[in-house]
Amino acid sequence: MRWRNMRRSSNVEDVRGARRGGGRAAGGIGIGGIVIALLASLIFGVDPSTVLVGLQQGGGIAPPAEVQVAPIGDRDSDFVKAVLGDTEDTWGRIFPQQIGRPYEPPRLVLFSGAVDSACGFAEAAMGPFYCPRDRKVYLDMSFFQQVKAAAREDADFARAYAIAHEIGHHIQTVLGISEQVNRLQSRSNEATSNDLSVRQELQADCFAGVWGHSTAERGLVDDQAIKSAMETAAQIGDDYLQYQARGYVVPDSFTHGSSEQRVTWFARGLKTGDVNQCDTFSTRQVEGFSNLRG
């Protein structure tokens, strides 16, 4: 991935050297939390669902007590600024063309160990996550090592995919989709709520693919990089994680989508570059989904 040719964003807050306070855990699990669960199952034989429950309950890795000094000009932070800048430029073009309104970019916060967000206190074990209350993406750099272990060769585009997925959640917030999903989930049973969550995650995958389409058109990624990102998407599917842990899957418990679904929707955005192809809420008739149009 030729990320060094991308414009660097100025919407990055680096708080890796800041002191941290305690607080309630942020809600939800980021894409990195799922990668951690996968690695735990493959390396240590731990049930990924057990890891995920622990992360959701704030039982992740405890932040170190000492204050850390933020690196200056390190490669990973430069990479993040480049990817974020490119998402800003790409969505800055797509929004007026396909949605008919200007794009409102989020800020991205780099942290070490743990961080206070408007969604609560979050630890590195959660991986990257998006907080709709302050419209910020949060990222601990240790996540990149986890992606490298999962994606292996040519991990840069797989890392960029993870960031672009969180930007996809920001787009859902800007378009009012996230609010509608939350409203429907509040009055739904568990199975329907999980299905809504899956559809929301798959749409974020598709939006990440739309950004990827732009990078491919400009020759910034090659087939090997795309393959690596696809493999990463497949390895964080709910069915893959459940089968690795239990030897069977429970579709009604999915919250992020199967491997096939994640790859399919990411590939759809990647192939078309069309936001309108990312409507995961009308693929079949379910009560309330007809109102969820971006």
Protein backbone atom coordinates (compact mmCIF):
# COMPACT_ATOMS: atom_id res chain seq x y z
CA MET A 1 0.00 0.00 0.00
CA ARG A 2 1.52 3.31 -1.09
CA TRP A 3 0.27 5.34 1.85
CA ARG A 4 3.21 7.75 1.85
CA ASN A 5 1.59 9.49 -1.14
CA MET A 6 -1.48 10.38 0.93
CA ARG A 7 -2.14 13.76 2.52
CA ARG A 8 -1.67 13.89 6.30
CA SER A 9 -4.69 14.89 8.34
CA SER A 10 -4.51 17.55 11.03
CA ASN A 11 -7.56 16.06 12.80
CA VAL A 12 -5.43 13.77 14.99
CA GLU A 13 -5.12 14.15 18.76
CA ASP A 14 -2.09 12.34 20.17
CA VAL A 15 -2.63 11.78 23.90
CA ARG A 16 -0.19 8.90 24.29
CA GLY A 17 1.77 10.78 26.95
CA ALA A 18 -1.22 12.03 28.93
CA ARG A 19 -2.15 10.93 32.44
CA ARG A 20 -5.25 8.81 32.64
CA GLY A 21 -8.10 8.68 35.09
CA GLY A 22 -10.50 5.85 35.82
CA GLY A 23 -14.13 5.75 34.85
CA ARG A 24 -16.83 3.57 33.43
CA ALA A 25 -15.99 1.39 30.48
CA ALA A 26 -16.94 2.55 27.02
CA GLY A 27 -19.81 0.62 25.50
CA GLY A 28 -19.31 -1.77 22.62
CA ILE A 29 -16.40 -3.70 21.17
CA GLY A 30 -14.25 -2.30 18.40
CA ILE A 31 -12.90 -4.34 15.51
CA GLY A 32 -9.63 -4.75 17.39
CA GLY A 33 -11.36 -6.51 20.26
CA ILE A 34 -12.50 -9.17 17.84
CA VAL A 35 -8.96 -9.58 16.50
CA ILE A 36 -7.73 -10.06 20.08
CA ALA A 37 -10.39 -12.72 20.67
CA LEU A 38 -9.31 -14.52 17.49
CA LEU A 39 -5.65 -14.50 18.44
CA ALA A 40 -6.47 -15.74 21.95
CA SER A 41 -8.35 -18.69 20.50
CA LEU A 42 -5.64 -19.60 17.98
CA ILE A 43 -2.62 -19.17 20.23
CA PHE A 44 -3.89 -19.98 23.72
CA GLY A 45 -6.99 -22.06 23.03
CA VAL A 46 -9.22 -19.50 24.75
CA ASP A 47 -12.90 -19.25 23.83
CA PRO A 48 -13.20 -15.96 21.86
CA SER A 49 -16.70 -15.38 23.23
CA THR A 50 -15.26 -15.43 26.76
CA VAL A 51 -12.68 -12.82 25.79
CA LEU A 52 -15.33 -10.61 24.19
CA VAL A 53 -17.58 -10.78 27.25
CA GLY A 54 -14.64 -9.77 29.41
CA LEU A 55 -13.87 -6.81 27.18
CA GLN A 56 -17.50 -5.69 27.18
CA GLN A 57 -17.53 -5.77 30.97
CA GLY A 58 -14.35 -3.74 31.24
CA GLY A 59 -12.18 -6.75 32.01
CA GLY A 60 -9.51 -5.99 29.44
CA ILE A 61 -5.83 -5.31 29.93
CA ALA A 62 -5.23 -2.92 32.82
CA PRO A 63 -3.55 0.34 31.80
CA PRO A 64 -0.01 0.81 33.09
CA ALA A 65 0.39 3.10 36.06
CA GLU A 66 3.36 5.07 34.78
CA VAL A 67 3.04 7.99 32.37
CA GLN A 68 4.22 7.09 28.88
CA VAL A 69 6.10 9.47 26.61
CA ALA A 70 4.45 9.89 23.23
CA PRO A 71 6.76 9.09 20.30
CA ILE A 72 7.34 11.98 17.93
CA GLY A 73 7.14 11.40 14.19
CA ASP A 74 6.88 7.60 14.49
CA ARG A 75 5.88 5.56 11.46
CA ASP A 76 2.58 4.31 12.87
CA SER A 77 1.24 7.75 13.74
CA ASP A 78 2.35 9.04 10.34
CA PHE A 79 0.48 6.12 8.76
CA VAL A 80 -2.68 6.93 10.71
CA LYS A 81 -2.54 10.60 9.71
CA ALA A 82 -2.09 9.59 6.07
CA VAL A 83 -5.01 7.15 6.06
CA LEU A 84 -7.27 9.58 7.91
CA GLY A 85 -6.32 12.38 5.54
CA ASP A 86 -7.15 10.18 2.57
CA THR A 87 -10.55 9.24 4.01
CA GLU A 88 -11.24 12.96 4.48
CA ASP A 89 -10.34 13.72 0.88
CA THR A 90 -12.26 10.72 -0.48
CA TRP A 91 -15.46 11.26 1.50
CA GLY A 92 -15.11 15.00 0.91
CA ARG A 93 -15.59 14.21 -2.79
CA ILE A 94 -18.17 11.46 -2.39
CA PHE A 95 -20.61 13.27 -0.09
CA PRO A 96 -21.41 16.18 -2.44
CA GLN A 97 -21.51 13.85 -5.47
CA GLN A 98 -23.53 10.94 -4.08
CA ILE A 99 -25.30 12.30 -0.99
CA GLY A 100 -25.71 15.97 -1.86
CA ARG A 101 -24.17 17.49 1.25
CA PRO A 102 -20.69 18.34 2.56
CA TYR A 103 -18.72 15.82 4.57
CA GLU A 104 -18.12 16.45 8.27
CA PRO A 105 -14.88 14.62 9.18
CA PRO A 106 -14.29 13.13 12.64
CA ARG A 107 -11.23 13.56 14.81
CA LEU A 108 -9.01 10.59 15.63
CA VAL A 109 -7.43 10.12 19.06
CA LEU A 110 -4.21 8.13 19.48
CA PHE A 111 -3.82 6.75 22.99
CA SER A 112 -1.72 4.29 24.98
CA GLY A 113 -3.21 1.71 27.31
CA ALA A 114 -6.47 3.49 28.12
CA VAL A 115 -8.36 6.68 27.41
CA ASP A 116 -11.35 8.69 28.61
CA SER A 117 -13.90 9.28 25.87
CA ALA A 118 -17.38 10.75 25.79
CA CYS A 119 -18.59 7.13 25.64
CA GLY A 120 -16.70 6.21 28.80
CA PHE A 121 -13.32 4.85 29.89
CA ALA A 122 -11.79 2.53 27.27
CA GLU A 123 -8.81 0.21 27.37
CA ALA A 124 -6.49 -0.83 24.55
CA ALA A 125 -8.02 -4.33 24.46
CA MET A 126 -11.12 -2.89 22.83
CA GLY A 127 -9.14 -2.03 19.72
CA PRO A 128 -10.20 0.91 17.52
CA PHE A 129 -13.67 2.21 18.27
CA TYR A 130 -15.89 5.10 17.30
CA CYS A 131 -17.72 7.20 19.88
CA PRO A 132 -20.81 8.91 18.40
CA ARG A 133 -21.16 11.21 21.43
CA ASP A 134 -17.99 13.15 20.60
CA ARG A 135 -17.69 11.96 16.97
CA LYS A 136 -14.16 10.70 17.46
CA VAL A 137 -12.32 7.52 16.46
CA TYR A 138 -10.05 6.10 19.19
CA LEU A 139 -6.98 4.02 18.38
CA ASP A 140 -4.25 2.44 20.49
CA MET A 141 -1.12 1.75 18.46
CA SER A 142 -0.69 -1.76 19.91
CA PHE A 143 -3.62 -2.73 17.70
CA PHE A 144 -1.34 -2.58 14.67
CA GLN A 145 0.73 -5.45 16.03
CA GLN A 146 -2.43 -7.54 16.41
CA VAL A 147 -3.44 -6.83 12.82
CA LYS A 148 0.05 -7.75 11.63
CA ALA A 149 -0.26 -11.10 13.38
CA ALA A 150 -3.65 -11.74 11.76
CA ALA A 151 -2.97 -10.29 8.29
CA ARG A 152 0.71 -11.30 8.11
CA GLU A 153 2.13 -10.05 4.82
CA ASP A 154 1.18 -6.63 3.50
CA ALA A 155 -0.73 -5.66 6.63
CA ASP A 156 -0.89 -1.91 5.87
CA PHE A 157 -4.12 -2.06 3.86
CA ALA A 158 -5.64 -4.40 6.47
CA ARG A 159 -4.81 -1.76 9.11
CA ALA A 160 -6.24 0.95 6.89
CA TYR A 161 -9.40 -1.14 6.45
CA ALA A 162 -9.84 -1.21 10.23
CA ILE A 163 -9.57 2.59 10.41
CA ALA A 164 -11.88 3.04 7.42
CA HIS A 165 -14.43 0.73 9.10
CA GLU A 166 -14.57 3.06 12.12
CA ILE A 167 -14.91 6.03 9.76
CA GLY A 168 -17.86 4.09 8.31
CA HIS A 169 -19.52 4.25 11.73
CA HIS A 170 -18.95 8.00 11.74
CA ILE A 171 -20.68 8.27 8.39
CA GLN A 172 -23.63 6.32 9.82
CA THR A 173 -23.79 8.83 12.67
CA VAL A 174 -23.64 11.82 10.32
CA LEU A 175 -26.43 10.34 8.17
CA GLY A 176 -28.62 9.54 11.19
CA ILE A 177 -28.48 5.78 10.61
CA SER A 178 -26.87 4.95 13.96
CA GLU A 179 -29.54 6.87 15.86
CA GLN A 180 -32.30 4.97 14.06
CA VAL A 181 -30.62 1.63 14.74
CA ASN A 182 -30.29 2.46 18.44
CA ARG A 183 -33.93 3.46 18.60
CA LEU A 184 -35.05 0.21 16.99
CA GLN A 185 -32.77 -1.87 19.21
CA SER A 186 -34.22 -0.29 22.33
CA ARG A 187 -37.61 -1.83 21.56
CA SER A 188 -36.46 -5.10 19.96
CA ASN A 189 -35.80 -8.59 21.29
CA GLU A 190 -32.25 -9.90 21.45
CA ALA A 191 -32.30 -11.68 18.09
CA THR A 192 -33.61 -8.62 16.24
CA SER A 193 -31.20 -6.33 18.08
CA ASN A 194 -28.29 -8.57 17.07
CA ASP A 195 -29.50 -8.59 13.48
CA LEU A 196 -29.58 -4.80 13.47
CA SER A 197 -26.05 -4.73 14.84
CA VAL A 198 -24.88 -7.08 12.09
CA ARG A 199 -26.44 -4.90 9.41
CA GLN A 200 -24.82 -1.80 10.89
CA GLU A 201 -21.38 -3.44 11.00
CA LEU A 202 -21.70 -4.77 7.45
CA GLN A 203 -22.63 -1.32 6.19
CA ALA A 204 -19.51 0.09 7.87
CA ASP A 205 -17.52 -2.62 6.05
CA CYS A 206 -19.12 -1.55 2.78
CA PHE A 207 -18.32 2.11 3.45
CA ALA A 208 -14.71 1.07 4.11
CA GLY A 209 -14.79 -0.64 0.72
CA VAL A 210 -16.05 2.54 -0.95
CA TRP A 211 -12.98 4.33 0.39
CA GLY A 212 -10.83 1.39 -0.77
CA HIS A 213 -12.30 1.75 -4.26
CA SER A 214 -10.87 5.25 -4.44
CA THR A 215 -7.41 4.12 -3.32
CA ALA A 216 -7.41 1.35 -5.93
CA GLU A 217 -8.45 3.76 -8.69
CA ARG A 218 -5.47 5.95 -7.81
CA GLY A 219 -3.07 3.00 -7.81
CA LEU A 220 -2.34 3.23 -4.07
CA VAL A 221 -3.11 -0.44 -3.40
CA ASP A 222 -2.41 -3.60 -5.37
CA ASP A 223 -4.10 -6.99 -5.54
CA GLN A 224 -1.95 -8.45 -2.74
CA ALA A 225 -2.91 -5.63 -0.36
CA ILE A 226 -6.61 -6.10 -1.18
CA LYS A 227 -6.29 -9.86 -0.64
CA SER A 228 -4.72 -9.25 2.77
CA ALA A 229 -7.60 -6.97 3.80
CA MET A 230 -10.13 -9.55 2.58
CA GLU A 231 -8.45 -12.26 4.62
CA THR A 232 -8.56 -10.04 7.69
CA ALA A 233 -12.28 -9.40 7.15
CA ALA A 234 -12.86 -13.16 6.84
CA GLN A 235 -10.96 -13.91 10.06
CA ILE A 236 -13.11 -11.57 12.16
CA GLY A 237 -16.44 -12.99 11.02
CA ASP A 238 -18.67 -14.16 13.88
CA ASP A 239 -18.98 -17.67 12.43
CA TYR A 240 -15.21 -18.04 12.08
CA LEU A 241 -14.63 -16.99 15.70
CA GLN A 242 -17.41 -19.18 17.06
CA TYR A 243 -16.33 -22.24 15.08
CA GLN A 244 -12.72 -21.83 16.21
CA ALA A 245 -13.88 -21.73 19.83
CA ARG A 246 -16.79 -24.19 19.90
CA GLY A 247 -16.81 -26.20 16.71
CA TYR A 248 -20.27 -24.86 15.82
CA VAL A 249 -21.95 -21.50 15.18
CA VAL A 250 -25.06 -19.74 16.54
CA PRO A 251 -26.24 -17.28 13.84
CA ASP A 252 -28.79 -15.57 16.10
CA SER A 253 -25.94 -14.48 18.37
CA PHE A 254 -23.96 -12.78 15.57
CA THR A 255 -23.30 -9.08 16.12
CA HIS A 256 -20.80 -8.30 13.33
CA GLY A 257 -21.70 -10.70 10.54
CA SER A 258 -20.29 -13.91 9.13
CA SER A 259 -16.96 -14.09 7.33
CA GLU A 260 -18.75 -14.37 4.01
CA GLN A 261 -20.97 -11.40 4.78
CA ARG A 262 -18.07 -9.19 5.87
CA VAL A 263 -16.02 -10.03 2.80
CA THR A 264 -19.05 -9.65 0.51
CA TRP A 265 -20.03 -6.20 1.74
CA PHE A 266 -16.47 -4.91 1.88
CA ALA A 267 -15.97 -6.21 -1.67
CA ARG A 268 -19.20 -4.58 -2.83
CA GLY A 269 -18.03 -1.16 -1.73
CA LEU A 270 -14.56 -1.86 -3.10
CA LYS A 271 -15.91 -2.85 -6.51
CA THR A 272 -18.54 -0.13 -6.97
CA GLY A 273 -17.38 2.90 -4.99
CA ASP A 274 -21.11 3.65 -4.65
CA VAL A 275 -22.63 4.53 -1.27
CA ASN A 276 -26.05 3.46 -2.55
CA GLN A 277 -24.76 -0.12 -2.85
CA CYS A 278 -24.20 -0.20 0.92
CA ASP A 279 -27.85 -0.40 2.00
CA THR A 280 -27.63 -3.46 4.24
CA PHE A 281 -31.00 -2.68 5.80
CA SER A 282 -33.21 -3.56 2.84
CA THR A 283 -31.68 -6.84 1.71
CA ARG A 284 -34.74 -8.64 3.10
CA GLN A 285 -38.00 -7.50 4.66
CA VAL A 286 -37.70 -6.97 8.41
CA GLU A 287 -39.96 -4.69 10.43
CA GLY A 288 -38.57 -1.17 10.77
CA PHE A 289 -35.66 -1.58 8.32
CA SER A 290 -37.44 0.30 5.53
CA ASN A 291 -36.92 3.50 7.52
CA LEU A 292 -33.14 3.07 7.63
CA ARG A 293 -32.05 4.69 4.41
CA GLY A 294 -28.96 6.89 4.35
